[in-house]
Each structure stands twice: as C-alpha cells, then as structure tokens.
Protein backbone atom coordinates (compact mmCIF):
# COMPACT_ATOMS: atom_id res chain seq x y z
CA UNK A 1 0.01 0.04 0.00
CA UNK A 2 1.61 3.18 -1.17
CA UNK A 3 1.44 6.39 0.89
CA UNK A 4 1.28 8.60 -2.19
CA UNK A 5 -1.67 6.58 -3.47
CA UNK A 6 -3.42 6.94 -0.18
CA UNK A 7 -2.91 10.66 -0.19
CA UNK A 8 -4.02 11.02 -3.77
CA UNK A 9 -7.25 9.25 -2.77
CA UNK A 10 -7.66 11.52 0.33
CA UNK A 11 -7.62 8.34 2.32
CA UNK A 12 -6.94 9.30 6.01
CA UNK A 13 -7.09 7.24 9.11
CA UNK A 14 -9.99 8.30 11.39
CA UNK A 15 -8.56 9.44 14.68
CA UNK A 16 -11.93 9.15 16.41
CA UNK A 17 -12.22 5.43 15.75
CA UNK A 18 -13.22 4.41 19.30
CA UNK A 19 -16.99 3.99 18.58
CA UNK A 20 -16.31 1.77 15.60
CA UNK A 21 -13.70 -0.13 17.67
CA UNK A 22 -16.37 -0.81 20.24
CA UNK A 23 -18.69 -2.17 17.72
CA UNK A 24 -15.77 -4.40 16.54
CA UNK A 25 -15.18 -5.73 20.14
CA UNK A 26 -18.87 -6.44 20.41
CA UNK A 27 -18.56 -8.83 17.53
CA UNK A 28 -15.98 -10.98 19.31
CA UNK A 29 -16.91 -13.72 21.66
CA UNK A 30 -16.08 -13.68 25.42
CA UNK A 31 -14.71 -16.29 27.83
CA UNK A 32 -16.10 -17.00 31.26
CA UNK A 33 -14.11 -14.14 32.71
CA UNK A 34 -15.67 -11.82 30.12
CA UNK A 35 -12.33 -11.41 28.40
CA UNK A 36 -12.34 -10.89 24.69
CA UNK A 37 -11.54 -13.98 22.56
CA UNK A 38 -9.60 -12.66 19.52
CA UNK A 39 -11.49 -14.44 16.84
CA UNK A 40 -14.29 -13.31 14.44
CA UNK A 41 -16.85 -16.03 14.47
CA UNK A 42 -19.06 -14.74 11.66
CA UNK A 43 -17.47 -12.82 8.73
CA UNK A 44 -20.76 -11.56 7.28
CA UNK A 45 -21.92 -10.18 10.60
CA UNK A 46 -18.52 -8.52 10.98
CA UNK A 47 -18.74 -6.79 7.60
CA UNK A 48 -22.32 -5.55 8.33
CA UNK A 49 -21.99 -4.35 11.90
CA UNK A 50 -18.35 -3.02 11.76
CA UNK A 51 -17.70 -2.09 8.08
CA UNK A 52 -21.12 -0.89 7.28
CA UNK A 53 -21.62 -3.44 4.38
CA UNK A 54 -25.27 -4.47 3.54
CA UNK A 55 -26.30 -8.25 3.87
CA UNK A 56 -26.74 -8.43 0.12
CA UNK A 57 -23.24 -7.28 -0.63
CA UNK A 58 -21.90 -10.76 0.00
CA UNK A 59 -23.00 -13.02 -2.79
CA UNK A 60 -22.62 -16.86 -2.46
CA UNK A 61 -24.09 -20.06 -3.84
CA UNK A 62 -24.88 -20.62 -7.51
CA UNK A 63 -24.26 -17.10 -8.39
CA UNK A 64 -20.57 -17.78 -8.15
CA UNK A 65 -20.47 -20.59 -10.66
CA UNK A 66 -18.49 -18.43 -13.06
CA UNK A 67 -15.91 -17.86 -10.38
CA UNK A 68 -14.65 -21.46 -10.03
CA UNK A 69 -11.23 -22.58 -11.27
CA UNK A 70 -10.88 -26.19 -12.11
CA UNK A 71 -7.42 -27.65 -11.87
CA UNK A 72 -7.67 -31.12 -13.53
CA UNK A 73 -4.07 -31.93 -13.08
CA UNK A 74 -4.64 -31.66 -9.27
CA UNK A 75 -8.17 -33.02 -9.17
CA UNK A 76 -9.24 -29.87 -7.38
CA UNK A 77 -11.52 -26.99 -7.93
CA UNK A 78 -10.79 -23.53 -6.46
CA UNK A 79 -13.80 -21.50 -5.47
CA UNK A 80 -14.56 -18.44 -3.37
CA UNK A 81 -16.80 -18.47 -0.32
CA UNK A 82 -18.33 -15.04 -1.25
CA UNK A 83 -18.01 -12.36 -3.94
CA UNK A 84 -18.82 -8.70 -3.80
CA UNK A 85 -20.28 -6.94 -6.91
CA UNK A 86 -19.17 -3.77 -8.34
CA UNK A 87 -21.65 -1.02 -7.83
CA UNK A 88 -21.28 0.21 -11.43
CA UNK A 89 -19.42 -2.42 -13.42
CA UNK A 90 -17.62 -1.14 -16.49
CA UNK A 91 -18.78 -4.21 -18.52
CA UNK A 92 -20.85 -7.39 -17.91
CA UNK A 93 -17.85 -9.64 -18.15
CA UNK A 94 -16.27 -8.18 -15.01
CA UNK A 95 -19.03 -7.53 -12.53
CA UNK A 96 -17.09 -8.45 -9.39
CA UNK A 97 -15.26 -6.06 -7.03
CA UNK A 98 -13.57 -8.68 -4.84
CA UNK A 99 -13.61 -12.28 -3.73
CA UNK A 100 -13.68 -13.69 -0.12
CA UNK A 101 -12.30 -17.02 0.97
CA UNK A 102 -13.30 -18.13 4.50
CA UNK A 103 -11.16 -20.92 5.96
CA UNK A 104 -11.86 -23.01 9.04
CA UNK A 105 -10.98 -21.06 12.22
CA UNK A 106 -7.17 -21.03 12.97
CA UNK A 107 -6.11 -22.51 9.66
CA UNK A 108 -2.73 -21.17 8.73
CA UNK A 109 -2.68 -18.97 5.76
CA UNK A 110 0.92 -19.78 4.85
CA UNK A 111 1.33 -23.41 5.61
CA UNK A 112 0.41 -26.38 3.35
CA UNK A 113 -2.46 -28.34 4.80
CA UNK A 114 -2.25 -32.13 5.12
CA UNK A 115 -4.54 -33.86 2.65
CA UNK A 116 -5.38 -37.50 2.47
CA UNK A 117 -5.24 -37.47 -1.42
CA UNK A 118 -1.70 -36.49 -2.32
CA UNK A 119 -2.92 -35.90 -5.95
CA UNK A 120 -4.38 -32.59 -4.75
CA UNK A 121 -2.45 -29.40 -5.04
CA UNK A 122 0.16 -29.16 -2.27
CA UNK A 123 0.04 -25.45 -1.78
CA UNK A 124 -0.75 -22.90 0.87
CA UNK A 125 -4.21 -21.43 1.22
CA UNK A 126 -2.69 -18.11 0.26
CA UNK A 127 -1.17 -19.50 -2.95
CA UNK A 128 -4.43 -21.15 -3.89
CA UNK A 129 -6.25 -17.93 -3.30
CA UNK A 130 -3.83 -16.02 -5.38
CA UNK A 131 -4.27 -18.59 -8.14
CA UNK A 132 -8.13 -18.11 -7.91
CA UNK A 133 -7.86 -14.30 -8.13
CA UNK A 134 -5.56 -14.43 -11.24
CA UNK A 135 -7.65 -17.00 -13.02
CA UNK A 136 -10.99 -15.28 -12.40
CA UNK A 137 -9.65 -11.85 -13.37
CA UNK A 138 -10.78 -10.40 -10.02
CA UNK A 139 -7.49 -8.94 -8.53
CA UNK A 140 -8.74 -8.09 -5.05
CA UNK A 141 -9.54 -10.57 -2.32
CA UNK A 142 -9.98 -11.09 1.29
CA UNK A 143 -8.58 -14.30 2.89
CA UNK A 144 -10.06 -14.94 6.21
CA UNK A 145 -9.61 -17.56 9.00
CA UNK A 146 -11.24 -16.13 12.02
CA UNK A 147 -8.00 -14.90 13.55
CA UNK A 148 -6.47 -13.16 10.55
CA UNK A 149 -7.87 -11.08 7.67
CA UNK A 150 -5.59 -10.68 4.72
CA UNK A 151 -6.25 -8.14 1.93
CA UNK A 152 -4.71 -9.61 -1.19
CA UNK A 153 -3.97 -7.88 -4.53
CA UNK A 154 -3.02 -10.20 -7.32
CA UNK A 155 -3.61 -8.71 -10.73
CA UNK A 156 -3.10 -11.03 -13.64
CA UNK A 157 0.39 -10.76 -15.27
CA UNK A 158 1.85 -8.82 -12.21
CA UNK A 159 3.41 -9.62 -8.85
CA UNK A 160 1.05 -9.85 -5.97
CA UNK A 161 0.89 -8.15 -2.63
CA UNK A 162 -0.97 -8.57 0.58
CA UNK A 163 -1.63 -6.84 3.92
CA UNK A 164 -2.54 -9.05 6.95
CA UNK A 165 -4.55 -7.80 9.88
CA UNK A 166 -4.33 -9.98 13.04
CA UNK A 167 -7.47 -9.94 15.12
CA UNK A 168 -5.53 -10.23 18.33
CA UNK A 169 -3.77 -6.98 17.58
CA UNK A 170 -6.98 -5.33 16.42
CA UNK A 171 -8.72 -6.14 19.70
CA UNK A 172 -6.20 -4.24 21.86
CA UNK A 173 -6.49 -0.60 22.80
CA UNK A 174 -3.01 -0.03 21.38
CA UNK A 175 -4.26 -1.70 18.13
CA UNK A 176 -6.83 0.91 17.45
CA UNK A 177 -4.66 2.65 14.74
CA UNK A 178 -4.35 -0.80 12.88
CA UNK A 179 -8.08 -1.13 13.27
CA UNK A 180 -8.54 2.35 11.95
CA UNK A 181 -6.43 1.41 8.92
CA UNK A 182 -8.59 -1.71 8.28
CA UNK A 183 -11.76 0.32 8.57
CA UNK A 184 -10.41 3.01 6.26
CA UNK A 185 -9.64 0.41 3.45
CA UNK A 186 -12.64 -1.90 3.77
CA UNK A 187 -15.50 0.22 4.91
CA UNK A 188 -18.62 0.45 2.71
CA UNK A 189 -17.95 4.05 1.71
CA UNK A 190 -14.42 3.05 0.42
CA UNK A 191 -15.77 0.11 -1.55
CA UNK A 192 -19.23 1.32 -2.91
CA UNK A 193 -19.98 5.08 -2.54
CA UNK A 194 -16.89 7.24 -2.77
CA UNK A 195 -15.71 8.68 -6.14
CA UNK A 196 -14.05 6.16 -8.40
CA UNK A 197 -10.54 7.52 -7.84
CA UNK A 198 -11.07 7.34 -4.08
CA UNK A 199 -12.25 3.65 -3.94
CA UNK A 200 -10.11 0.69 -2.98
CA UNK A 201 -9.46 -0.63 -6.53
CA UNK A 202 -8.06 2.77 -7.58
CA UNK A 203 -5.92 3.00 -4.52
CA UNK A 204 -4.41 -0.47 -5.15
CA UNK A 205 -3.84 0.17 -8.81
CA UNK A 206 -2.19 3.56 -8.07
CA UNK A 207 -0.05 1.87 -5.36
CA UNK A 208 1.34 -0.55 -7.93
CA UNK A 209 2.10 2.36 -10.22
CA UNK A 210 4.03 4.21 -7.62
CA UNK A 211 5.89 1.02 -6.60
CA UNK A 212 6.83 0.42 -10.17
CA UNK A 213 8.04 4.01 -10.43
CA UNK A 214 10.17 3.66 -7.25
CA UNK A 215 11.59 0.33 -8.62
CA UNK A 216 12.44 2.10 -11.84
CA UNK A 217 14.19 4.98 -10.00
CA UNK A 218 15.95 2.62 -7.66
CA UNK A 219 17.21 0.54 -10.67
CA UNK A 220 18.60 3.71 -12.30
CA UNK A 221 20.34 4.73 -9.11
CA UNK A 222 21.85 1.23 -8.68
CA UNK A 223 23.03 1.30 -12.29
CA UNK A 224 24.58 4.82 -11.91
CA UNK A 225 26.43 3.55 -8.71
CA UNK A 226 27.59 0.52 -10.51
CA UNK A 227 29.05 2.60 -13.36
CA UNK A 228 30.61 4.97 -11.01
CA UNK A 229 32.32 2.22 -9.07
CA UNK A 230 33.48 0.64 -12.35
CA UNK A 231 35.04 3.98 -13.38
CA UNK A 232 36.78 4.12 -10.01
CA UNK A 233 38.28 0.64 -10.51
CA UNK A 234 39.37 1.52 -14.04
CA UNK A 235 41.16 4.46 -12.66
CA UNK A 236 42.83 2.26 -9.90
CA UNK A 237 43.80 -0.28 -12.56
CA UNK A 238 45.39 2.40 -14.67
CA UNK A 239 47.41 3.51 -11.79
CA UNK A 240 48.87 -0.04 -11.53
CA UNK A 241 49.42 -0.08 -15.30
CA UNK A 242 46.64 -2.70 -15.80
CA UNK A 243 48.05 -5.25 -13.32
CA UNK A 244 45.07 -4.93 -10.90
CA UNK A 245 42.56 -6.42 -13.15
CA UNK A 246 44.71 -8.08 -15.92
CA UNK A 247 44.27 -11.63 -14.80
CA UNK A 248 40.49 -11.48 -14.04
CA UNK A 249 39.78 -9.73 -17.35
CA UNK A 250 41.68 -12.42 -19.16
CA UNK A 251 40.09 -15.37 -17.33
CA UNK A 252 36.57 -14.24 -16.57
CA UNK A 253 35.73 -10.51 -17.18
CA UNK A 254 32.19 -10.93 -15.84
CA UNK A 255 33.54 -11.25 -12.50
CA UNK A 256 34.40 -7.54 -12.39
CA UNK A 257 30.74 -6.70 -12.72
CA UNK A 258 29.80 -9.39 -10.25
CA UNK A 259 32.24 -8.05 -7.68
CA UNK A 260 31.02 -4.58 -8.02
CA UNK A 261 27.43 -5.66 -7.62
CA UNK A 262 28.39 -7.59 -4.58
CA UNK A 263 29.94 -4.28 -3.22
CA UNK A 264 26.56 -2.52 -3.74
CA UNK A 265 24.69 -5.43 -2.10
CA UNK A 266 27.02 -5.36 0.86
CA UNK A 267 26.35 -1.60 1.27
CA UNK A 268 22.64 -2.02 1.13
CA UNK A 269 22.85 -4.73 3.67
CA UNK A 270 24.99 -2.64 6.01
CA UNK A 271 23.04 0.56 5.65
CA UNK A 272 19.83 -1.43 6.42
CA UNK A 273 21.41 -2.98 9.46
CA UNK A 274 22.81 0.22 10.73
CA UNK A 275 19.49 2.01 10.27
CA UNK A 276 17.86 -0.53 12.53
CA UNK A 277 20.60 -0.82 15.07
CA UNK A 278 21.46 -4.46 14.14
CA UNK A 279 25.27 -4.17 14.04
CA UNK A 280 26.69 -1.95 16.83
CA UNK A 281 25.85 1.21 18.65
CA UNK A 282 29.34 1.50 20.12
CA UNK A 283 31.14 4.82 19.48
CA UNK A 284 34.15 3.16 18.06
CA UNK A 285 32.02 1.47 15.41
CA UNK A 286 29.98 4.67 14.67
CA UNK A 287 33.08 6.89 14.42
CA UNK A 288 35.50 4.72 12.61
CA UNK A 289 33.70 1.82 10.80
CA UNK A 290 30.12 2.65 10.08
CA UNK A 291 28.97 3.41 6.45
CA UNK A 292 26.71 6.09 7.73
CA UNK A 293 29.60 7.78 9.55
CA UNK A 294 31.77 7.48 6.52
CA UNK A 295 29.09 9.18 4.31
CA UNK A 296 28.78 12.08 6.76
CA UNK A 297 32.59 12.53 6.79
CA UNK A 298 32.76 12.44 2.95
CA UNK A 299 29.79 14.88 2.65
CA UNK A 300 31.66 17.29 4.92
CA UNK A 301 34.81 16.81 2.92
CA UNK A 302 32.95 17.48 -0.38
CA UNK A 303 31.78 20.79 1.16
CA UNK A 304 35.24 21.85 2.16
CA UNK A 305 37.33 20.39 -0.69
CA UNK A 306 34.86 20.01 -3.73
CA UNK A 307 37.81 20.14 -6.25
CA UNK A 308 40.02 17.52 -4.77
CA UNK A 309 37.60 14.72 -3.77
CA UNK A 310 38.90 12.57 -6.64
CA UNK A 311 42.44 13.15 -5.37
CA UNK A 312 41.70 11.95 -1.90
CA UNK A 313 41.87 8.35 -0.79
CA UNK A 314 40.95 6.35 2.41
CA UNK A 315 37.21 5.67 2.06
CA UNK A 316 37.61 2.45 0.04
CA UNK A 317 40.17 1.14 2.56
CA UNK A 318 37.68 1.82 5.30
CA UNK A 319 35.01 -0.06 3.45
CA UNK A 320 37.27 -3.06 2.97
CA UNK A 321 37.97 -3.03 6.68
CA UNK A 322 34.30 -3.04 7.52
CA UNK A 323 33.58 -5.88 5.04
CA UNK A 324 36.26 -8.01 6.75
CA UNK A 325 35.04 -6.97 10.17
CA UNK A 326 31.58 -8.18 9.40
CA UNK A 327 32.90 -11.49 7.98
CA UNK A 328 35.42 -12.26 10.58
CA UNK A 329 34.09 -10.41 13.53
CA UNK A 330 36.03 -8.32 15.94
CA UNK A 331 36.27 -7.18 19.46
CA UNK A 332 37.83 -4.10 21.12
CA UNK A 333 36.72 -2.83 24.47
CA UNK A 334 32.97 -2.33 24.34
CA UNK A 335 32.82 -3.04 20.58
CA UNK A 336 31.75 -6.63 19.88
CA UNK A 337 30.90 -7.86 16.46
CA UNK A 338 30.28 -11.61 15.94
CA UNK A 339 31.68 -13.18 12.75
CA UNK A 340 28.92 -13.19 10.19
CA UNK A 341 30.78 -15.31 7.74
CA UNK A 342 28.59 -16.12 4.75
CA UNK A 343 28.95 -15.83 0.89
CA UNK A 344 28.10 -12.14 0.63
CA UNK A 345 31.10 -10.78 2.59
CA UNK A 346 33.58 -13.54 1.81
CA UNK A 347 36.76 -11.55 1.04
CA UNK A 348 38.33 -14.34 -0.97
CA UNK A 349 35.58 -14.41 -3.65
CA UNK A 350 37.00 -11.32 -5.35
CA UNK A 351 40.53 -10.80 -4.15
CA UNK A 352 41.22 -7.96 -6.53
CA UNK A 353 38.87 -5.72 -4.54
CA UNK A 354 41.54 -5.77 -1.89
CA UNK A 355 44.45 -5.28 -4.36
CA UNK A 356 45.49 -8.94 -4.61
CA UNK A 357 45.62 -10.80 -7.92
CA UNK A 358 42.61 -12.82 -9.08
CA UNK A 359 42.14 -15.97 -6.96
CA UNK A 360 45.11 -15.18 -4.80
CA UNK A 361 44.44 -15.66 -1.09
CA UNK A 362 45.70 -13.24 1.51
CA UNK A 363 48.69 -14.60 3.54
CA UNK A 364 49.09 -14.01 7.18
CA UNK A 365 50.91 -10.80 7.92
CA UNK A 366 50.78 -9.77 4.31
CA UNK A 367 50.59 -5.96 3.76
CA UNK A 368 47.58 -4.98 1.74
CA UNK A 369 48.06 -2.84 -1.31
CA UNK A 370 44.58 -1.39 -1.49
CA UNK A 371 43.35 -0.13 -4.84
CA UNK A 372 43.35 3.63 -5.16
CA UNK A 373 39.65 4.20 -5.48
CA UNK A 374 39.06 7.91 -4.82
CA UNK A 375 36.87 9.29 -2.04
CA UNK A 376 34.87 11.18 -4.70
CA UNK A 377 33.92 7.84 -6.22
CA UNK A 378 32.75 6.39 -2.88
CA UNK A 379 30.93 9.57 -2.02
CA UNK A 380 28.97 9.57 -5.32
CA UNK A 381 28.13 5.84 -4.80
CA UNK A 382 26.79 6.44 -1.25
C-alpha cells in the first residue's frame, strides 16, 4: 500500500475510531471471565456491523458458478466463499469487485495443509487464493480464517501483494490505529460510494504504479552507482598499469561486474542493518567503521574540498576493513561484532577488490596494497 496513493485518494485514518472499535469488540466472543476472545466467528456479521456493508453485498451459492477454477491436473476446484459485486461495473464480463475466501478457524494462511489425497495441489491457502484471483480476473480478495484477515492484490500478469490484519492486535486498545487502517480500506464508503478515484481498486492500482516508479528509479540509481564504481576501479587499474585487473579480465571478465554488484549489495545490507541498530551502537564502530559515519565525513569533505575529492583516498580502505570486520568479527573494548561469515562478505571471492591478484588468497601478515579508488567515487556511490 503506497502512501502517495493513499494521499491522492484522500484516504486518511479516522482518529476518532473508538465508537467503531467498540462495535468491533462487540462482535468478538467472550470467555467465562468476560475477556475478549480474539476471533471473529461470523465474517458476514463482521462486515455488516463493523464495516457498514449490507447483507446483500456478500454473494454466495450458484451465483458464483463463473468464479470457479478447475485444476484437472490436481483433481481440485478452487472456489470463493463469497463475492462482492461492483456498484457500477464497466462491463458485464467483469461485474465483481472482490472475492472472499473463508477458511476453518485458525487455519494457517501460509502453511500447506495435510491432505489424504496427495494428488491434490500441495500449496498454501494463500497460494491457492492468489491462483483463484488471477484465473478469475478479480484482482482483489480477502482471505479470512477467524484470527487473521488478509487483503490480497493479485492482478493477472503482475506480482502480488498482501496486507494481513491480526485480530488479536486489532482487539487491543493499542491496536486501534491498525483497526482504523482496516476500517479505512474496507468500509462500505471506500468500496461502494466514494468517487471512483477514491475507492479501494483505484488505491491498489495507483499503489502498484507508484511502486513500479520507485523500482525504476531505484534501478537507475543502482546502475549509476555501478558505473561510478566501475570507473573508479578502471582508474585504480590504470594507476597500476593494468596489473590490478589483468588476470581477471583475461580469465573471466564478468567477475568484475559481479564483484562491484556484490559491493553494492554489501552496502545495502550494512545501511539497512545500521538504520535498525542491528550491528553495533558502540562509538568506536560509529566513528571509525560505519558506512553512515563515512558518508557524513565524505559529505563534509565534499563541502570543504569539492575540487579535490577525486584526489583523496581512504574511504575504500575503510569499506574493505568493514567488510572483513563483518565477515570475521572483531572485539575491542565495548565493541563486539560476531563473525557473520557467509557468501556475501567472503573477502576471498573477489581478491582484486583488496588489491590482490585474481584468486590469490591473502597470506598471514601480508601488507595490503589497497586499490586507489578515490573518495569522490565512494561519495557519489553512497
């Protein structure tokens, strides 16, 4: 769900949601101690009393005969429990707004269910529901099991997405903002009466457009960073008169691009981990190792010495040190980083990144001859 799409549709969370939340709690059963049991026993009653739907909005039975998908290879037929009609369908061939699949209470949405007949499709309820949405041409669906309500969007020919609301969280006072979001997306007004551009189908379609736009812009940024890093290594190779990349270019030139893409993936991983405090909050790490701290220093240097950034060096060496620190781990005073190991940060995969010949392992005590990739290159990459 894209925030720009929500804003364009003027979809705002109701801050005065308490009365609706009380109606929601009234739909839930109670135990002997009058405590709420976080389970919606009747989906139809929930939609009417909480979301404001009409009883006739949920269509079932023979009216859904055209919404069945037969899978002869699996001896199985996929069908919806309910369907909701469009208020003003654009054509008679597509009269449906969304499909609803109700599962037995507590059924996992994301685990394959045991079946006596192994000829049936061994897939999760969510995967089967997505298949139903794609095959019927109704991209919007609600998958429900009493304890979870999942809004699914699976347009044909595109990747799917979903948003899951957990009843146990919705039932809490602290969960009122989540309930308000659910109510905002699925209330009767959002589905049936608002202007077309403000209704749920338009929001989901616009969200996909915004996501595609972001993906395109991100791809362009990654490609620009890759080319910048490539130019930096070309310059470093020239300074060594072609000896840095001579062997790898002769044996497997694609490894140069693979190595630089790996560097970008490492940076994305580290930036994500630093942003969420998953690496270290120690001042030694923040001041001398972190990518975030390095970027701040490079930005300050670019402000003071804009004409000489491509004649300054040191940032690439810091990144190499950080990559090895994450791979091998390290400890100094209060700074403690466990060895992560793994394929992504393995320094022996691309030895020329550290200045060694292709496929040449680093020897104990060996002095590193780090490639002279300028600070300007690293700053532009970051």
